[in-house]
Amino acid sequence: MRKLVVTLLLFLLAPIAACAQELDLSIVEEVRVGMHAHAAHYSLWPVYVGDYDLSRIEDVSFDVLFGSPQIDAFRVIGEPLFELGTTINFAGRENTAHAALVWQVPVLDTPVFLEGAFGAAIHSGYLTDAPDGEHNLGCRVNFYERFGLGTNVTEDVTALVTYEHMSNAGLCDANDGYSNFGVRLGRKF
């Protein structure tokens, strides 16, 4: 199964990377593809380890990270990368598209880094009156957060374990947020 997942991720990543190079998208820093367990947890904070459900590996993600704008305001907040991405569910559940700022912090003098993202996501799920087993997400546009532990496999390739969460923080009547847990492979430019 792992071999199949890695093969699929590399198969999906290769044409995206080739297109970015061919178009000379010098503003693109990295392109990523991932595979995730859908709604593996309900909370923003993944501390309730016994509550994980990793049985629904049915999401694929595609993310494009752009360089930090050369604006003083971005220098003040740590020069985050700008990201556009999507998570597609192949079992008829929620799909999302997001825009986020992404911060990466190296761990000492190693190829390992911590990553955090904060932004907004639009989804295709139910707002209210969801059938059993589905989420009442309340707002069409919700907050998007992601935490990750990654490594620079080579100068051009990254691998990350990520936990992404989407909810509205109680701004709408319903707020069944959910979190996906998975892996992402990236190709830097």
N, C-alpha and C. Protein backbone atom coordinates (compact mmCIF):
# COMPACT_ATOMS: atom_id res chain seq x y z
N MET A 1 0.82 -1.20 0.00
CA MET A 1 0.00 0.00 0.00
C MET A 1 0.87 1.26 0.00
N ARG A 2 1.92 1.27 0.84
CA ARG A 2 2.79 2.45 0.90
C ARG A 2 3.46 2.71 -0.45
N LYS A 3 3.90 1.64 -1.09
CA LYS A 3 4.54 1.77 -2.39
C LYS A 3 3.58 2.39 -3.40
N LEU A 4 2.33 1.96 -3.36
CA LEU A 4 1.31 2.50 -4.25
C LEU A 4 1.09 3.98 -3.99
N VAL A 5 1.01 4.37 -2.72
CA VAL A 5 0.80 5.77 -2.36
C VAL A 5 1.95 6.63 -2.84
N VAL A 6 3.18 6.21 -2.57
CA VAL A 6 4.36 6.99 -2.99
C VAL A 6 4.41 7.08 -4.52
N THR A 7 4.14 5.97 -5.20
CA THR A 7 4.14 5.98 -6.67
C THR A 7 3.09 6.96 -7.19
N LEU A 8 1.89 6.92 -6.61
CA LEU A 8 0.82 7.83 -7.03
C LEU A 8 1.22 9.28 -6.80
N LEU A 9 1.79 9.59 -5.64
CA LEU A 9 2.20 10.97 -5.35
C LEU A 9 3.26 11.45 -6.33
N LEU A 10 4.26 10.61 -6.61
CA LEU A 10 5.30 11.00 -7.55
C LEU A 10 4.74 11.15 -8.96
N PHE A 11 3.81 10.28 -9.33
CA PHE A 11 3.16 10.35 -10.64
C PHE A 11 2.40 11.66 -10.79
N LEU A 12 1.73 12.10 -9.72
CA LEU A 12 0.98 13.35 -9.77
C LEU A 12 1.88 14.57 -9.70
N LEU A 13 2.98 14.47 -8.98
CA LEU A 13 3.88 15.61 -8.79
C LEU A 13 4.71 15.91 -10.04
N ALA A 14 5.12 14.90 -10.76
CA ALA A 14 6.02 15.09 -11.91
C ALA A 14 5.46 16.03 -12.97
N PRO A 15 4.21 15.85 -13.45
CA PRO A 15 3.72 16.77 -14.48
C PRO A 15 3.53 18.19 -13.97
N ILE A 16 3.16 18.34 -12.71
CA ILE A 16 3.00 19.69 -12.14
C ILE A 16 4.35 20.39 -12.12
N ALA A 17 5.39 19.70 -11.68
CA ALA A 17 6.73 20.27 -11.64
C ALA A 17 7.22 20.61 -13.04
N ALA A 18 6.97 19.72 -14.00
CA ALA A 18 7.41 19.96 -15.38
C ALA A 18 6.72 21.19 -15.96
N CYS A 19 5.43 21.35 -15.71
CA CYS A 19 4.69 22.52 -16.21
C CYS A 19 5.24 23.80 -15.60
N ALA A 20 5.52 23.79 -14.31
CA ALA A 20 6.03 24.99 -13.66
C ALA A 20 7.38 25.38 -14.23
N GLN A 21 8.26 24.41 -14.50
CA GLN A 21 9.56 24.72 -15.09
C GLN A 21 9.41 25.21 -16.52
N GLU A 22 8.55 24.57 -17.30
CA GLU A 22 8.36 24.94 -18.69
C GLU A 22 7.81 26.35 -18.82
N LEU A 23 6.93 26.74 -17.92
CA LEU A 23 6.35 28.08 -17.96
C LEU A 23 7.24 29.13 -17.31
N ASP A 24 8.38 28.69 -16.75
CA ASP A 24 9.31 29.60 -16.07
C ASP A 24 8.58 30.42 -15.01
N LEU A 25 7.90 29.75 -14.13
CA LEU A 25 7.18 30.43 -13.05
C LEU A 25 8.15 30.71 -11.92
N SER A 26 8.98 31.71 -12.09
CA SER A 26 10.03 32.00 -11.12
C SER A 26 9.47 32.44 -9.77
N ILE A 27 8.22 32.83 -9.73
CA ILE A 27 7.63 33.21 -8.44
C ILE A 27 7.19 31.98 -7.65
N VAL A 28 7.12 30.81 -8.29
CA VAL A 28 6.73 29.59 -7.60
C VAL A 28 7.95 29.05 -6.84
N GLU A 29 7.81 28.90 -5.53
CA GLU A 29 8.89 28.37 -4.70
C GLU A 29 8.84 26.85 -4.64
N GLU A 30 7.60 26.30 -4.54
CA GLU A 30 7.46 24.86 -4.36
C GLU A 30 6.07 24.41 -4.80
N VAL A 31 6.00 23.20 -5.32
CA VAL A 31 4.73 22.56 -5.67
C VAL A 31 4.66 21.27 -4.87
N ARG A 32 3.49 21.03 -4.25
CA ARG A 32 3.34 19.84 -3.40
C ARG A 32 2.11 19.04 -3.80
N VAL A 33 2.19 17.75 -3.54
CA VAL A 33 1.03 16.86 -3.68
C VAL A 33 1.01 15.98 -2.44
N GLY A 34 -0.19 15.65 -1.97
CA GLY A 34 -0.28 14.86 -0.75
C GLY A 34 -1.44 13.90 -0.74
N MET A 35 -1.42 13.02 0.24
CA MET A 35 -2.49 12.06 0.44
C MET A 35 -2.83 12.07 1.93
N HIS A 36 -4.17 12.07 2.24
CA HIS A 36 -4.59 12.30 3.62
C HIS A 36 -5.76 11.43 4.05
N ALA A 37 -5.81 11.19 5.35
CA ALA A 37 -6.98 10.57 5.97
C ALA A 37 -7.99 11.70 6.19
N HIS A 38 -9.16 11.57 5.60
CA HIS A 38 -10.19 12.62 5.67
C HIS A 38 -10.85 12.63 7.04
N ALA A 39 -10.98 13.82 7.61
CA ALA A 39 -11.64 14.00 8.91
C ALA A 39 -11.09 13.03 9.95
N ALA A 40 -9.77 12.95 10.02
CA ALA A 40 -9.12 12.05 10.97
C ALA A 40 -9.35 12.48 12.41
N HIS A 41 -9.67 13.75 12.61
CA HIS A 41 -9.89 14.30 13.94
C HIS A 41 -10.83 15.49 13.80
N TYR A 42 -11.39 15.93 14.89
CA TYR A 42 -12.35 17.03 14.86
C TYR A 42 -11.79 18.35 15.39
N SER A 43 -10.71 18.30 16.13
CA SER A 43 -10.21 19.47 16.85
C SER A 43 -9.06 20.16 16.11
N LEU A 44 -8.91 21.45 16.37
CA LEU A 44 -7.75 22.17 15.86
C LEU A 44 -6.47 21.62 16.48
N TRP A 45 -6.53 21.29 17.75
CA TRP A 45 -5.35 20.79 18.47
C TRP A 45 -5.40 19.27 18.51
N PRO A 46 -4.45 18.61 17.88
CA PRO A 46 -4.48 17.15 17.76
C PRO A 46 -3.97 16.42 19.01
N VAL A 47 -4.47 16.79 20.17
CA VAL A 47 -3.95 16.23 21.41
C VAL A 47 -4.70 14.98 21.88
N TYR A 48 -5.90 14.77 21.41
CA TYR A 48 -6.69 13.63 21.83
C TYR A 48 -6.36 12.44 20.94
N VAL A 49 -5.23 11.82 21.19
CA VAL A 49 -4.68 10.80 20.30
C VAL A 49 -5.64 9.62 20.12
N GLY A 50 -6.35 9.22 21.14
CA GLY A 50 -7.27 8.09 21.04
C GLY A 50 -8.47 8.35 20.15
N ASP A 51 -8.71 9.61 19.79
CA ASP A 51 -9.87 9.97 18.98
C ASP A 51 -9.58 10.00 17.48
N TYR A 52 -8.40 9.60 17.05
CA TYR A 52 -8.06 9.64 15.62
C TYR A 52 -8.76 8.52 14.85
N ASP A 53 -9.16 8.82 13.62
CA ASP A 53 -9.69 7.81 12.71
C ASP A 53 -8.91 7.95 11.40
N LEU A 54 -7.96 7.05 11.20
CA LEU A 54 -7.11 7.10 10.02
C LEU A 54 -7.57 6.12 8.94
N SER A 55 -8.81 5.65 9.05
CA SER A 55 -9.30 4.62 8.13
C SER A 55 -9.75 5.16 6.78
N ARG A 56 -10.00 6.47 6.67
CA ARG A 56 -10.52 7.02 5.41
C ARG A 56 -9.43 7.78 4.65
N ILE A 57 -8.49 7.06 4.09
CA ILE A 57 -7.45 7.71 3.27
C ILE A 57 -8.07 7.91 1.89
N GLU A 58 -8.68 9.08 1.73
CA GLU A 58 -9.47 9.34 0.52
C GLU A 58 -9.30 10.76 -0.01
N ASP A 59 -8.31 11.50 0.51
CA ASP A 59 -8.07 12.87 0.07
C ASP A 59 -6.73 12.98 -0.64
N VAL A 60 -6.69 13.80 -1.68
CA VAL A 60 -5.44 14.16 -2.35
C VAL A 60 -5.36 15.69 -2.33
N SER A 61 -4.18 16.21 -2.02
CA SER A 61 -4.01 17.66 -1.98
C SER A 61 -2.99 18.10 -3.02
N PHE A 62 -3.18 19.32 -3.51
CA PHE A 62 -2.25 19.98 -4.43
C PHE A 62 -2.04 21.39 -3.89
N ASP A 63 -0.78 21.78 -3.70
CA ASP A 63 -0.46 23.09 -3.15
C ASP A 63 0.64 23.74 -3.97
N VAL A 64 0.53 25.04 -4.16
CA VAL A 64 1.58 25.82 -4.81
C VAL A 64 1.99 26.91 -3.82
N LEU A 65 3.28 26.94 -3.48
CA LEU A 65 3.82 27.94 -2.57
C LEU A 65 4.58 28.98 -3.38
N PHE A 66 4.28 30.23 -3.11
CA PHE A 66 4.90 31.35 -3.80
C PHE A 66 5.85 32.06 -2.85
N GLY A 67 6.85 32.73 -3.39
CA GLY A 67 7.80 33.47 -2.57
C GLY A 67 7.13 34.58 -1.77
N SER A 68 7.75 34.95 -0.69
CA SER A 68 7.23 36.03 0.15
C SER A 68 7.37 37.36 -0.57
N PRO A 69 6.30 38.15 -0.61
CA PRO A 69 6.39 39.46 -1.26
C PRO A 69 7.45 40.34 -0.59
N GLN A 70 8.15 41.09 -1.39
CA GLN A 70 9.18 41.98 -0.85
C GLN A 70 8.54 43.27 -0.34
N ILE A 71 7.76 43.11 0.69
CA ILE A 71 7.04 44.21 1.32
C ILE A 71 7.45 44.24 2.79
N ASP A 72 7.67 45.43 3.33
CA ASP A 72 8.12 45.55 4.71
C ASP A 72 7.20 44.82 5.69
N ALA A 73 5.89 44.89 5.47
CA ALA A 73 4.94 44.23 6.38
C ALA A 73 5.21 42.72 6.43
N PHE A 74 5.59 42.13 5.31
CA PHE A 74 5.88 40.69 5.30
C PHE A 74 7.21 40.39 5.97
N ARG A 75 8.16 41.29 5.89
CA ARG A 75 9.43 41.09 6.60
C ARG A 75 9.20 41.10 8.11
N VAL A 76 8.32 41.99 8.55
CA VAL A 76 8.02 42.13 9.98
C VAL A 76 7.39 40.85 10.53
N ILE A 77 6.56 40.16 9.75
CA ILE A 77 5.88 38.96 10.25
C ILE A 77 6.63 37.67 9.87
N GLY A 78 7.89 37.78 9.51
CA GLY A 78 8.71 36.59 9.30
C GLY A 78 8.82 36.08 7.89
N GLU A 79 8.48 36.88 6.90
CA GLU A 79 8.58 36.52 5.49
C GLU A 79 7.91 35.18 5.15
N PRO A 80 6.61 35.07 5.45
CA PRO A 80 5.91 33.83 5.12
C PRO A 80 5.76 33.65 3.61
N LEU A 81 5.64 32.41 3.20
CA LEU A 81 5.32 32.10 1.81
C LEU A 81 3.81 32.21 1.64
N PHE A 82 3.36 32.50 0.44
CA PHE A 82 1.93 32.54 0.14
C PHE A 82 1.59 31.22 -0.54
N GLU A 83 0.48 30.61 -0.14
CA GLU A 83 0.10 29.31 -0.69
C GLU A 83 -1.33 29.32 -1.19
N LEU A 84 -1.52 28.69 -2.36
CA LEU A 84 -2.85 28.37 -2.87
C LEU A 84 -2.91 26.86 -2.97
N GLY A 85 -4.00 26.27 -2.50
CA GLY A 85 -4.08 24.82 -2.53
C GLY A 85 -5.49 24.30 -2.55
N THR A 86 -5.59 23.01 -2.76
CA THR A 86 -6.88 22.34 -2.74
C THR A 86 -6.71 20.95 -2.15
N THR A 87 -7.76 20.49 -1.49
CA THR A 87 -7.82 19.11 -1.00
C THR A 87 -9.08 18.51 -1.61
N ILE A 88 -8.90 17.47 -2.39
CA ILE A 88 -10.00 16.84 -3.12
C ILE A 88 -10.31 15.50 -2.47
N ASN A 89 -11.58 15.27 -2.17
CA ASN A 89 -12.02 14.02 -1.56
C ASN A 89 -12.62 13.12 -2.64
N PHE A 90 -12.17 11.89 -2.71
CA PHE A 90 -12.64 10.96 -3.73
C PHE A 90 -13.76 10.04 -3.25
N ALA A 91 -14.39 10.40 -2.11
CA ALA A 91 -15.48 9.57 -1.58
C ALA A 91 -16.76 10.38 -1.43
N GLY A 92 -16.85 11.52 -2.10
CA GLY A 92 -18.08 12.32 -2.07
C GLY A 92 -18.23 13.20 -0.86
N ARG A 93 -17.17 13.36 -0.08
CA ARG A 93 -17.23 14.25 1.09
C ARG A 93 -16.71 15.63 0.68
N GLU A 94 -16.41 16.46 1.68
CA GLU A 94 -16.02 17.84 1.43
C GLU A 94 -14.72 17.96 0.63
N ASN A 95 -14.74 18.90 -0.31
CA ASN A 95 -13.55 19.35 -1.02
C ASN A 95 -13.27 20.77 -0.55
N THR A 96 -12.01 21.17 -0.54
CA THR A 96 -11.68 22.53 -0.12
C THR A 96 -10.69 23.16 -1.08
N ALA A 97 -10.71 24.47 -1.11
CA ALA A 97 -9.67 25.27 -1.76
C ALA A 97 -9.26 26.31 -0.73
N HIS A 98 -7.96 26.56 -0.61
CA HIS A 98 -7.52 27.48 0.43
C HIS A 98 -6.44 28.44 -0.06
N ALA A 99 -6.33 29.54 0.65
CA ALA A 99 -5.23 30.50 0.50
C ALA A 99 -4.68 30.72 1.90
N ALA A 100 -3.37 30.67 2.03
CA ALA A 100 -2.78 30.76 3.37
C ALA A 100 -1.39 31.37 3.31
N LEU A 101 -0.95 31.86 4.46
CA LEU A 101 0.43 32.25 4.66
C LEU A 101 1.11 31.10 5.38
N VAL A 102 2.33 30.75 4.95
CA VAL A 102 3.03 29.58 5.46
C VAL A 102 4.38 30.01 6.03
N TRP A 103 4.62 29.63 7.29
CA TRP A 103 5.89 29.90 7.93
C TRP A 103 6.65 28.60 8.11
N GLN A 104 7.96 28.63 7.84
CA GLN A 104 8.82 27.47 8.05
C GLN A 104 9.94 27.85 8.99
N VAL A 105 10.19 26.99 9.98
CA VAL A 105 11.23 27.23 10.97
C VAL A 105 12.16 26.03 10.98
N PRO A 106 13.45 26.23 10.66
CA PRO A 106 14.38 25.10 10.68
C PRO A 106 14.61 24.60 12.11
N VAL A 107 14.82 23.30 12.25
CA VAL A 107 15.14 22.71 13.55
C VAL A 107 16.65 22.59 13.64
N LEU A 108 17.23 23.49 14.44
CA LEU A 108 18.67 23.56 14.62
C LEU A 108 19.37 23.60 13.27
N ASP A 109 20.47 22.90 13.13
CA ASP A 109 21.21 22.90 11.87
C ASP A 109 21.01 21.56 11.16
N THR A 110 19.72 21.24 10.92
CA THR A 110 19.37 19.96 10.30
C THR A 110 18.48 20.23 9.08
N PRO A 111 18.21 19.22 8.27
CA PRO A 111 17.28 19.41 7.16
C PRO A 111 15.81 19.40 7.61
N VAL A 112 15.57 19.19 8.89
CA VAL A 112 14.21 19.12 9.43
C VAL A 112 13.68 20.53 9.69
N PHE A 113 12.37 20.72 9.45
CA PHE A 113 11.75 22.02 9.73
C PHE A 113 10.33 21.83 10.24
N LEU A 114 9.88 22.82 10.97
CA LEU A 114 8.49 22.89 11.42
C LEU A 114 7.78 23.85 10.49
N GLU A 115 6.50 23.59 10.25
CA GLU A 115 5.75 24.46 9.36
C GLU A 115 4.39 24.76 9.96
N GLY A 116 3.95 25.99 9.77
CA GLY A 116 2.62 26.40 10.20
C GLY A 116 2.00 27.26 9.11
N ALA A 117 0.69 27.09 8.92
CA ALA A 117 -0.03 27.86 7.89
C ALA A 117 -1.32 28.39 8.50
N PHE A 118 -1.69 29.58 8.06
CA PHE A 118 -2.95 30.17 8.51
C PHE A 118 -3.57 30.92 7.33
N GLY A 119 -4.88 30.68 7.13
CA GLY A 119 -5.55 31.35 6.02
C GLY A 119 -7.04 31.09 6.04
N ALA A 120 -7.61 31.02 4.84
CA ALA A 120 -9.05 30.81 4.69
C ALA A 120 -9.28 29.72 3.66
N ALA A 121 -10.39 28.98 3.84
CA ALA A 121 -10.74 27.91 2.91
C ALA A 121 -12.22 27.98 2.56
N ILE A 122 -12.52 27.68 1.33
CA ILE A 122 -13.90 27.54 0.88
C ILE A 122 -14.12 26.05 0.65
N HIS A 123 -15.32 25.56 0.93
CA HIS A 123 -15.55 24.12 0.86
C HIS A 123 -16.85 23.81 0.12
N SER A 124 -17.00 22.53 -0.22
CA SER A 124 -18.19 22.07 -0.94
C SER A 124 -19.15 21.30 -0.03
N GLY A 125 -18.91 21.33 1.28
CA GLY A 125 -19.71 20.55 2.22
C GLY A 125 -21.01 21.22 2.62
N TYR A 126 -21.69 20.59 3.56
CA TYR A 126 -22.96 21.09 4.08
C TYR A 126 -22.73 22.25 5.04
N LEU A 127 -23.61 23.25 4.98
CA LEU A 127 -23.57 24.32 5.96
C LEU A 127 -24.34 23.88 7.21
N THR A 128 -25.55 23.36 7.02
CA THR A 128 -26.39 22.83 8.10
C THR A 128 -27.17 21.64 7.55
N ASP A 129 -27.89 20.98 8.40
CA ASP A 129 -28.76 19.86 8.03
C ASP A 129 -28.02 18.75 7.28
N ALA A 130 -26.79 18.48 7.66
CA ALA A 130 -26.01 17.41 7.04
C ALA A 130 -26.56 16.06 7.45
N PRO A 131 -26.54 15.08 6.55
CA PRO A 131 -26.96 13.73 6.92
C PRO A 131 -25.98 13.13 7.94
N ASP A 132 -26.40 12.06 8.61
CA ASP A 132 -25.53 11.39 9.58
C ASP A 132 -24.19 11.04 8.96
N GLY A 133 -23.14 11.27 9.71
CA GLY A 133 -21.79 10.97 9.24
C GLY A 133 -21.13 12.10 8.47
N GLU A 134 -21.87 13.16 8.20
CA GLU A 134 -21.31 14.32 7.49
C GLU A 134 -21.18 15.49 8.47
N HIS A 135 -20.55 16.58 8.02
CA HIS A 135 -20.28 17.74 8.88
C HIS A 135 -21.20 18.91 8.57
N ASN A 136 -21.68 19.58 9.61
CA ASN A 136 -22.38 20.88 9.48
C ASN A 136 -21.31 21.94 9.66
N LEU A 137 -20.81 22.49 8.56
CA LEU A 137 -19.67 23.40 8.61
C LEU A 137 -20.04 24.86 8.83
N GLY A 138 -21.33 25.19 8.78
CA GLY A 138 -21.80 26.51 9.16
C GLY A 138 -21.58 27.61 8.14
N CYS A 139 -20.36 27.96 7.88
CA CYS A 139 -20.01 29.03 6.94
C CYS A 139 -19.44 28.41 5.66
N ARG A 140 -19.66 29.04 4.54
CA ARG A 140 -19.06 28.56 3.29
C ARG A 140 -17.55 28.79 3.28
N VAL A 141 -17.11 29.91 3.85
CA VAL A 141 -15.68 30.21 3.97
C VAL A 141 -15.30 30.07 5.45
N ASN A 142 -14.29 29.27 5.72
CA ASN A 142 -13.85 29.01 7.09
C ASN A 142 -12.37 29.31 7.24
N PHE A 143 -11.90 29.27 8.48
CA PHE A 143 -10.48 29.39 8.75
C PHE A 143 -9.78 28.11 8.32
N TYR A 144 -8.53 28.25 7.88
CA TYR A 144 -7.70 27.10 7.49
C TYR A 144 -6.39 27.20 8.25
N GLU A 145 -6.03 26.13 8.96
CA GLU A 145 -4.76 26.07 9.67
C GLU A 145 -4.09 24.75 9.35
N ARG A 146 -2.76 24.77 9.33
CA ARG A 146 -2.01 23.54 9.10
C ARG A 146 -0.73 23.57 9.91
N PHE A 147 -0.40 22.42 10.49
CA PHE A 147 0.86 22.22 11.19
C PHE A 147 1.58 21.08 10.51
N GLY A 148 2.90 21.17 10.44
CA GLY A 148 3.62 20.08 9.79
C GLY A 148 5.04 19.94 10.31
N LEU A 149 5.55 18.74 10.15
CA LEU A 149 6.94 18.43 10.42
C LEU A 149 7.50 17.92 9.11
N GLY A 150 8.53 18.60 8.62
CA GLY A 150 9.05 18.25 7.30
C GLY A 150 10.55 18.07 7.30
N THR A 151 11.03 17.60 6.17
CA THR A 151 12.47 17.48 5.98
C THR A 151 12.80 17.80 4.52
N ASN A 152 13.95 18.38 4.33
CA ASN A 152 14.48 18.59 2.98
C ASN A 152 15.20 17.30 2.61
N VAL A 153 14.53 16.46 1.84
CA VAL A 153 15.10 15.17 1.44
C VAL A 153 16.34 15.40 0.59
N THR A 154 16.24 16.32 -0.36
CA THR A 154 17.37 16.79 -1.15
C THR A 154 17.23 18.31 -1.23
N GLU A 155 18.07 18.93 -2.01
CA GLU A 155 17.98 20.38 -2.18
C GLU A 155 16.66 20.79 -2.83
N ASP A 156 16.08 19.89 -3.64
CA ASP A 156 14.87 20.21 -4.40
C ASP A 156 13.61 19.48 -3.93
N VAL A 157 13.72 18.52 -3.04
CA VAL A 157 12.57 17.69 -2.65
C VAL A 157 12.33 17.79 -1.15
N THR A 158 11.05 17.99 -0.78
CA THR A 158 10.65 18.01 0.63
C THR A 158 9.63 16.90 0.88
N ALA A 159 9.56 16.47 2.12
CA ALA A 159 8.55 15.51 2.56
C ALA A 159 8.03 16.00 3.90
N LEU A 160 6.72 15.99 4.07
CA LEU A 160 6.11 16.50 5.31
C LEU A 160 5.01 15.57 5.80
N VAL A 161 4.87 15.52 7.12
CA VAL A 161 3.70 14.94 7.76
C VAL A 161 2.88 16.15 8.19
N THR A 162 1.59 16.21 7.79
CA THR A 162 0.81 17.42 8.05
C THR A 162 -0.53 17.10 8.72
N TYR A 163 -1.01 18.10 9.43
CA TYR A 163 -2.31 18.07 10.09
C TYR A 163 -3.00 19.37 9.71
N GLU A 164 -4.04 19.30 8.87
CA GLU A 164 -4.73 20.51 8.43
C GLU A 164 -6.14 20.53 9.02
N HIS A 165 -6.56 21.71 9.42
CA HIS A 165 -7.85 21.87 10.10
C HIS A 165 -8.64 22.98 9.42
N MET A 166 -9.96 22.77 9.35
CA MET A 166 -10.85 23.80 8.82
C MET A 166 -12.07 23.91 9.73
N SER A 167 -12.37 25.12 10.19
CA SER A 167 -13.58 25.39 10.98
C SER A 167 -13.82 26.89 10.97
N ASN A 168 -14.95 27.31 11.56
CA ASN A 168 -15.26 28.74 11.54
C ASN A 168 -15.12 29.40 12.91
N ALA A 169 -14.57 28.71 13.89
CA ALA A 169 -14.33 29.27 15.22
C ALA A 169 -15.59 29.80 15.89
N GLY A 170 -16.72 29.21 15.55
CA GLY A 170 -17.98 29.62 16.17
C GLY A 170 -18.61 30.87 15.58
N LEU A 171 -18.15 31.32 14.42
CA LEU A 171 -18.71 32.53 13.80
C LEU A 171 -20.07 32.27 13.15
N CYS A 172 -20.38 31.01 12.84
CA CYS A 172 -21.68 30.64 12.28
C CYS A 172 -22.38 29.71 13.27
N ASP A 173 -23.67 29.47 13.05
CA ASP A 173 -24.44 28.65 13.98
C ASP A 173 -23.86 27.25 14.13
N ALA A 174 -23.46 26.63 13.04
CA ALA A 174 -22.85 25.29 13.10
C ALA A 174 -21.34 25.44 12.94
N ASN A 175 -20.60 24.52 13.59
CA ASN A 175 -19.14 24.58 13.50
C ASN A 175 -18.56 23.18 13.75
N ASP A 176 -18.86 22.26 12.85
CA ASP A 176 -18.37 20.89 13.00
C ASP A 176 -16.96 20.71 12.45
N GLY A 177 -16.11 21.66 12.48
CA GLY A 177 -14.80 21.57 11.86
C GLY A 177 -14.21 20.17 11.81
N TYR A 178 -13.28 19.97 10.94
CA TYR A 178 -12.61 18.68 10.82
C TYR A 178 -11.15 18.88 10.44
N SER A 179 -10.37 17.83 10.70
CA SER A 179 -8.93 17.88 10.42
C SER A 179 -8.51 16.66 9.63
N ASN A 180 -7.66 16.89 8.64
CA ASN A 180 -7.10 15.82 7.83
C ASN A 180 -5.66 15.57 8.27
N PHE A 181 -5.24 14.32 8.25
CA PHE A 181 -3.89 13.96 8.63
C PHE A 181 -3.25 13.21 7.46
N GLY A 182 -2.04 13.61 7.07
CA GLY A 182 -1.44 12.93 5.94
C GLY A 182 -0.01 13.32 5.66
N VAL A 183 0.41 13.05 4.43
CA VAL A 183 1.78 13.34 3.99
C VAL A 183 1.73 14.17 2.72
N ARG A 184 2.74 14.98 2.55
CA ARG A 184 2.90 15.78 1.35
C ARG A 184 4.34 15.63 0.85
N LEU A 185 4.49 15.54 -0.47
CA LEU A 185 5.81 15.57 -1.11
C LEU A 185 5.89 16.85 -1.93
N GLY A 186 7.02 17.52 -1.86
CA GLY A 186 7.17 18.79 -2.57
C GLY A 186 8.37 18.81 -3.48
N ARG A 187 8.28 19.65 -4.49
CA ARG A 187 9.39 19.89 -5.42
C ARG A 187 9.66 21.38 -5.43
N LYS A 188 10.87 21.78 -4.98
CA LYS A 188 11.25 23.19 -4.94
C LYS A 188 11.81 23.64 -6.29
N PHE A 189 11.69 24.95 -6.55
CA PHE A 189 12.22 25.53 -7.79
C PHE A 189 13.23 26.61 -7.49
